[in-house]
Protein backbone atom coordinates (compact mmCIF):
# COMPACT_ATOMS: atom_id res chain seq x y z
CA MET A 1 21.29 10.77 -6.18
CA GLU A 2 19.55 13.80 -7.04
CA LYS A 3 20.58 13.32 -10.76
CA ARG A 4 19.86 9.66 -10.71
CA VAL A 5 16.25 10.53 -9.26
CA SER A 6 15.81 13.45 -11.79
CA GLN A 7 16.62 10.82 -14.73
CA MET A 8 14.15 8.30 -13.35
CA ASN A 9 11.38 10.95 -13.27
CA ILE A 10 11.90 11.59 -17.24
CA PHE A 11 11.85 7.86 -17.69
CA LEU A 12 9.04 6.88 -15.34
CA CYS A 13 6.78 9.73 -16.78
CA VAL A 14 6.28 8.17 -20.25
CA ALA A 15 6.09 4.42 -18.92
CA THR A 16 3.68 5.57 -16.05
CA LEU A 17 1.32 7.62 -18.59
CA MET A 18 1.25 4.25 -20.70
CA VAL A 19 0.28 1.99 -17.73
CA ALA A 20 -2.15 4.53 -16.34
CA PHE A 21 -3.79 4.85 -19.51
CA SER A 22 -4.16 0.95 -19.75
CA ILE A 23 -5.44 0.57 -16.15
CA ASP A 24 -7.80 3.54 -16.16
CA SER A 25 -9.47 2.58 -19.59
CA VAL A 26 -10.87 -0.47 -17.64
CA ALA A 27 -10.98 0.27 -13.95
CA ALA A 28 -14.34 1.40 -12.71
CA ASP A 29 -14.41 4.86 -11.14
CA SER A 30 -15.57 4.67 -7.61
CA LYS A 31 -14.84 7.98 -5.92
CA ALA A 32 -18.06 8.51 -3.91
CA SER A 33 -17.90 10.67 -0.83
CA PHE A 34 -16.31 9.53 2.47
CA GLU A 35 -19.48 8.75 4.20
CA GLU A 36 -20.38 6.49 1.45
CA ASN A 37 -17.22 4.36 1.45
CA PHE A 38 -15.60 4.66 5.07
CA ASN A 39 -16.07 4.71 8.87
CA ILE A 40 -14.03 6.34 11.29
CA MET A 41 -12.23 3.62 13.34
CA TRP A 42 -11.31 6.01 16.32
CA ALA A 43 -10.81 9.51 17.38
CA GLU A 44 -13.60 11.10 15.30
CA ASP A 45 -12.28 14.72 16.48
CA HIS A 46 -8.89 14.03 14.77
CA PHE A 47 -10.62 13.58 11.23
CA SER A 48 -11.67 16.56 9.02
CA THR A 49 -12.49 17.38 5.48
CA SER A 50 -11.95 20.00 3.02
CA GLU A 51 -14.78 22.58 2.49
CA ASP A 52 -16.07 20.58 -0.45
CA GLY A 53 -15.56 17.15 1.19
CA GLN A 54 -13.11 15.87 -1.35
CA ILE A 55 -10.04 15.87 0.58
CA TRP A 56 -9.88 14.08 3.98
CA TYR A 57 -7.29 14.78 6.85
CA LEU A 58 -6.17 12.40 9.46
CA SER A 59 -4.14 14.20 12.41
CA LEU A 60 -1.91 12.90 15.34
CA ASP A 61 -1.02 14.43 18.29
CA LYS A 62 0.35 13.51 21.71
CA LYS A 63 -2.90 12.44 22.80
CA THR A 64 -3.99 10.09 19.80
CA GLY A 65 -3.98 9.39 16.16
CA CYS A 66 -6.91 8.70 13.80
CA GLY A 67 -8.09 5.91 11.24
CA PHE A 68 -10.84 4.81 9.03
CA GLN A 69 -11.76 1.59 7.04
CA THR A 70 -14.23 0.95 4.24
CA LYS A 71 -17.68 -0.19 5.23
CA ASP A 72 -17.38 -3.06 2.61
CA ARG A 73 -15.01 -6.20 2.30
CA TYR A 74 -13.49 -7.25 -0.90
CA ARG A 75 -12.04 -10.37 -2.13
CA PHE A 76 -9.62 -9.46 -5.17
CA GLY A 77 -9.58 -6.27 -7.19
CA TRP A 78 -7.99 -2.91 -7.94
CA PHE A 79 -7.65 -0.47 -4.98
CA SER A 80 -6.22 3.15 -5.12
CA MET A 81 -5.98 6.20 -3.15
CA LYS A 82 -4.14 9.41 -3.55
CA ILE A 83 -2.14 10.37 -0.23
CA LYS A 84 -0.12 13.52 0.77
CA LEU A 85 2.04 12.49 3.66
CA VAL A 86 3.24 14.43 6.58
CA GLY A 87 5.87 17.09 5.97
CA GLY A 88 8.60 18.41 7.77
CA ASP A 89 10.28 16.83 10.84
CA SER A 90 7.79 13.71 11.05
CA ALA A 91 10.47 11.17 12.69
CA GLY A 92 8.23 8.45 14.61
CA VAL A 93 5.05 8.94 12.45
CA VAL A 94 3.74 6.30 10.68
CA THR A 95 0.78 6.60 8.10
CA ALA A 96 -0.53 3.10 7.20
CA TYR A 97 -2.53 2.21 4.24
CA TYR A 98 -3.59 -1.24 4.20
CA MET A 99 -6.13 -4.08 3.65
CA CYS A 100 -6.78 -6.52 6.50
CA SER A 101 -9.66 -9.36 7.02
CA ASP A 102 -10.05 -8.47 10.69
CA THR A 103 -11.05 -4.90 12.09
CA GLY A 104 -9.07 -5.55 15.31
CA ALA A 105 -5.87 -6.96 13.92
CA GLY A 106 -6.86 -10.30 15.01
CA PRO A 107 -4.25 -13.48 15.31
CA GLU A 108 -5.43 -15.14 12.46
CA ARG A 109 -5.54 -11.95 10.11
CA ASP A 110 -4.67 -11.93 6.37
CA GLU A 111 -3.23 -8.34 5.73
CA ILE A 112 -1.31 -6.40 2.77
CA ASP A 113 0.29 -3.30 3.92
CA PHE A 114 1.88 0.21 2.76
CA GLU A 115 3.57 1.82 5.67
CA PHE A 116 5.05 5.20 5.38
CA LEU A 117 7.78 5.73 7.77
CA GLY A 118 8.38 9.48 8.77
CA ASN A 119 11.84 11.18 8.75
CA ARG A 120 13.68 13.74 10.08
CA SER A 121 13.77 16.79 7.74
CA GLY A 122 16.10 16.45 4.73
CA GLN A 123 15.95 12.63 4.91
CA PRO A 124 14.29 10.39 2.33
CA TYR A 125 10.83 9.04 3.03
CA LEU A 126 10.84 5.24 3.08
CA ILE A 127 7.84 2.84 2.35
CA GLN A 128 7.61 -0.68 4.06
CA THR A 129 5.21 -3.15 2.39
CA ASN A 130 4.28 -6.61 4.26
CA VAL A 131 2.05 -9.29 3.96
CA TYR A 132 0.53 -11.41 6.43
CA LYS A 133 -1.29 -14.75 6.03
CA ASN A 134 -3.39 -16.23 9.14
CA GLY A 135 -1.76 -13.67 11.48
CA THR A 136 2.00 -14.46 10.52
CA GLY A 137 3.88 -11.56 8.83
CA GLY A 138 7.52 -11.07 8.28
CA ARG A 139 7.44 -10.38 4.70
CA GLU A 140 8.82 -6.94 4.81
CA MET A 141 10.56 -4.87 1.99
CA ARG A 142 11.43 -1.34 2.22
CA HIS A 143 11.82 1.22 -0.67
CA MET A 144 12.93 4.76 -1.42
CA LEU A 145 10.85 7.04 -3.47
CA TRP A 146 11.74 9.01 -6.53
CA PHE A 147 9.72 12.03 -5.36
CA ASP A 148 9.09 13.82 -2.25
CA PRO A 149 5.62 12.24 -1.11
CA THR A 150 5.02 15.41 1.29
CA GLU A 151 4.94 18.17 -1.65
CA ASP A 152 1.80 16.63 -3.26
CA PHE A 153 -0.64 13.81 -3.60
CA HIS A 154 0.70 10.54 -5.03
CA THR A 155 -1.46 7.20 -6.01
CA TYR A 156 -0.82 4.22 -4.03
CA SER A 157 -2.71 1.11 -5.06
CA PHE A 158 -3.14 -2.72 -4.58
CA GLU A 159 -3.99 -5.02 -7.66
CA TRP A 160 -4.95 -8.33 -6.07
CA ASN A 161 -5.81 -11.67 -7.89
CA ASP A 162 -5.33 -15.21 -7.08
CA GLU A 163 -2.02 -15.32 -9.11
CA GLN A 164 -0.48 -12.17 -7.65
CA LEU A 165 -0.44 -9.38 -5.52
CA VAL A 166 1.21 -5.98 -6.97
CA PHE A 167 1.98 -2.86 -4.92
CA TYR A 168 2.06 0.10 -7.02
CA VAL A 169 3.22 3.83 -6.59
CA ASP A 170 1.89 6.08 -9.25
CA ARG A 171 1.13 3.26 -11.35
CA VAL A 172 4.88 1.90 -11.11
CA ALA A 173 4.88 -1.53 -9.77
CA ILE A 174 7.06 -1.36 -6.97
CA ARG A 175 6.35 -4.97 -5.33
CA VAL A 176 5.19 -8.35 -6.84
CA PHE A 177 4.31 -11.21 -4.59
CA LYS A 178 3.41 -14.29 -5.99
CA ASN A 179 1.14 -17.23 -5.09
CA THR A 180 3.33 -20.45 -4.90
CA LYS A 181 -0.04 -22.39 -5.14
CA GLU A 182 1.50 -25.08 -2.76
CA TRP A 183 -0.38 -26.49 0.24
CA ASN A 184 1.56 -24.41 2.63
CA ASN A 185 1.64 -21.16 0.25
CA PHE A 186 1.85 -17.71 2.05
CA PHE A 187 -0.61 -16.20 -0.48
CA PRO A 188 -3.87 -14.13 1.28
CA ASN A 189 -6.55 -15.20 -1.03
CA GLN A 190 -9.10 -16.79 0.89
CA LYS A 191 -10.19 -14.22 3.22
CA PRO A 192 -12.24 -10.87 2.21
CA MET A 193 -10.54 -7.82 3.40
CA TYR A 194 -11.56 -4.22 4.44
CA LEU A 195 -9.26 -1.22 3.26
CA PHE A 196 -7.84 0.95 6.21
CA SER A 197 -5.85 4.03 6.68
CA SER A 198 -4.40 5.44 9.80
CA ILE A 199 -1.78 7.71 11.20
CA TRP A 200 -0.20 6.74 14.70
CA ASN A 201 3.10 7.13 16.83
CA ALA A 202 5.62 4.51 16.23
CA ASP A 203 8.72 6.08 17.47
CA ASP A 204 9.76 2.77 19.29
CA TRP A 205 10.75 1.21 15.75
CA ALA A 206 9.66 3.55 12.68
CA THR A 207 12.87 5.67 12.24
CA ARG A 208 16.40 4.37 12.38
CA GLY A 209 15.10 1.49 14.31
CA GLY A 210 13.49 3.55 17.06
CA LEU A 211 16.56 5.94 17.62
CA GLU A 212 14.70 9.24 16.22
CA LYS A 213 11.90 9.94 18.66
CA THR A 214 8.71 11.82 17.80
CA ASP A 215 9.30 15.60 18.20
CA TRP A 216 5.68 16.51 19.65
CA LYS A 217 6.37 20.19 19.08
CA ASN A 218 5.60 19.75 15.25
CA ALA A 219 2.28 18.17 16.01
CA PRO A 220 -0.29 17.88 14.99
CA PHE A 221 1.05 15.68 12.08
CA VAL A 222 -1.54 15.48 9.23
CA SER A 223 -2.01 13.09 6.31
CA SER A 224 -4.03 13.87 3.52
CA TYR A 225 -6.30 11.80 1.10
CA LYS A 226 -8.51 12.11 -2.02
CA ASP A 227 -9.92 10.23 -4.95
CA PHE A 228 -10.50 6.86 -3.50
CA ASN A 229 -11.06 4.16 -6.13
CA VAL A 230 -11.94 0.71 -6.02
CA ASP A 231 -13.07 -1.89 -8.78
CA GLY A 232 -13.16 -5.17 -6.86
CA CYS A 233 -15.37 -8.02 -5.57
CA LYS A 234 -17.45 -6.98 -2.94
CA TRP A 235 -18.04 -9.39 -0.39
CA GLU A 236 -21.68 -10.59 0.36
CA ASP A 237 -22.18 -13.34 2.87
CA PRO A 238 -22.43 -16.32 2.62
CA TYR A 239 -20.28 -16.00 -0.68
CA PRO A 240 -20.01 -13.43 -3.39
CA ALA A 241 -20.79 -14.39 -7.01
CA CYS A 242 -16.81 -13.95 -7.50
CA VAL A 243 -15.69 -16.08 -4.55
CA SER A 244 -13.65 -18.36 -7.36
CA THR A 245 -11.71 -16.77 -10.23
CA THR A 246 -14.18 -16.24 -13.10
CA SER A 247 -11.97 -14.06 -15.43
CA GLN A 248 -15.07 -11.87 -15.59
CA HIS A 249 -12.94 -8.69 -14.49
CA TRP A 250 -10.09 -7.00 -15.96
CA TRP A 251 -7.96 -7.59 -12.80
CA ASP A 252 -8.88 -11.47 -12.87
CA GLN A 253 -7.75 -11.98 -16.62
CA PRO A 254 -4.49 -13.27 -17.99
CA ASP A 255 -3.22 -9.94 -18.76
CA ALA A 256 -3.58 -8.90 -15.03
CA TRP A 257 -1.68 -12.18 -13.96
CA HIS A 258 1.71 -11.00 -14.89
CA LEU A 259 3.36 -7.62 -15.42
CA SER A 260 3.33 -6.16 -18.80
CA ASP A 261 6.48 -5.20 -20.76
CA SER A 262 6.36 -1.59 -19.78
CA GLN A 263 5.65 -2.42 -16.05
CA LYS A 264 8.65 -4.55 -16.02
CA MET A 265 10.76 -1.79 -17.34
CA ASP A 266 9.87 0.18 -14.44
CA PHE A 267 9.82 -2.53 -12.03
CA ALA A 268 13.39 -3.33 -13.14
CA TRP A 269 14.55 0.19 -12.39
CA VAL A 270 13.05 0.20 -8.94
CA GLU A 271 14.73 -3.22 -7.87
CA ARG A 272 18.14 -1.74 -9.11
CA ASN A 273 17.82 1.56 -7.43
CA LEU A 274 15.28 1.96 -4.86
CA VAL A 275 15.01 -1.22 -2.92
CA ILE A 276 16.37 -0.91 0.70
CA TYR A 277 15.60 -3.98 2.31
CA ASP A 278 14.10 -7.31 0.68
CA TYR A 279 13.42 -10.32 3.34
CA CYS A 280 14.03 -12.77 0.45
CA LYS A 281 17.75 -11.52 0.60
CA ASP A 282 18.03 -11.44 4.30
CA TYR A 283 19.85 -15.04 5.08
CA GLU A 284 20.55 -14.26 8.70
CA ARG A 285 16.92 -13.92 9.33
CA TYR A 286 15.99 -16.70 7.11
CA PRO A 287 18.59 -19.36 6.79
CA THR A 288 15.81 -21.37 4.54
CA LEU A 289 14.20 -18.70 2.63
CA PRO A 290 10.25 -18.72 2.42
CA PRO A 291 9.04 -20.49 -0.33
CA GLU A 292 7.46 -17.69 -2.13
CA CYS A 293 10.95 -16.23 -2.47
CA SER A 294 11.87 -18.80 -5.36
CA LEU A 295 9.17 -17.23 -7.45
CA SER A 296 9.92 -14.97 -9.95
CA PRO A 297 8.10 -11.59 -10.33
CA TRP A 298 8.74 -11.39 -14.12
CA ASP A 299 6.96 -14.63 -14.72
């Protein structure tokens, strides 16, 4: 596994640089201060920043975790954050980075998730991604990573338009969720969303299905953030100017409706080597697969 991941690092280094240059050349840089972009959702005493205010920390102890959300809602765009995850024995701890249409996880919410599942020391960190439409989820995928996400900051991003939703890790597409455009489709494209992040205790399910419990002797558990970047359609009631597809933004043009050739190379490697679970291959759970499973991420 170590040799395979090392080879992957070399391969992805070149491809990722190409994709990063392509995206960064058109994405707007919106790295404002924390106070300009976000509000603390709960436990303000578990939030802190570096001296210069450029790095933000959320901590979890036995008493509580902590979370923040954007002040603005968006409908479509590019959203990224650099995150360094909890190191050491983090079993039971979940760091969530997600977008949601509801501030209280309401029963009719739309939501798109990165969830970073803590581990026992020496075991690989897993990423769980999920999609909700009108309060229904069940679209989980789990991936390993090709690096240790606790050693340094890495970039986690959503690219969201009316054609597809792409989850990126360091500009590498790890998941593509297509819009079926059927009357009963499962694609979250109607409701504007806030962006959130939080750290919390989930030892009833997060590590080995809840077999590994949180060791509170290692608390506080701290996740670190910097360089929030958004280039999206900001929602303004009753409707923003980009309420429908206008092709006025780079993320809403044909090139962003499909993966590029270099992105497909990365994505193919990820599919072959890093996918741990895919709901579209879970026939015991879904004897009849959800309709979006019939769509190819390559199209």
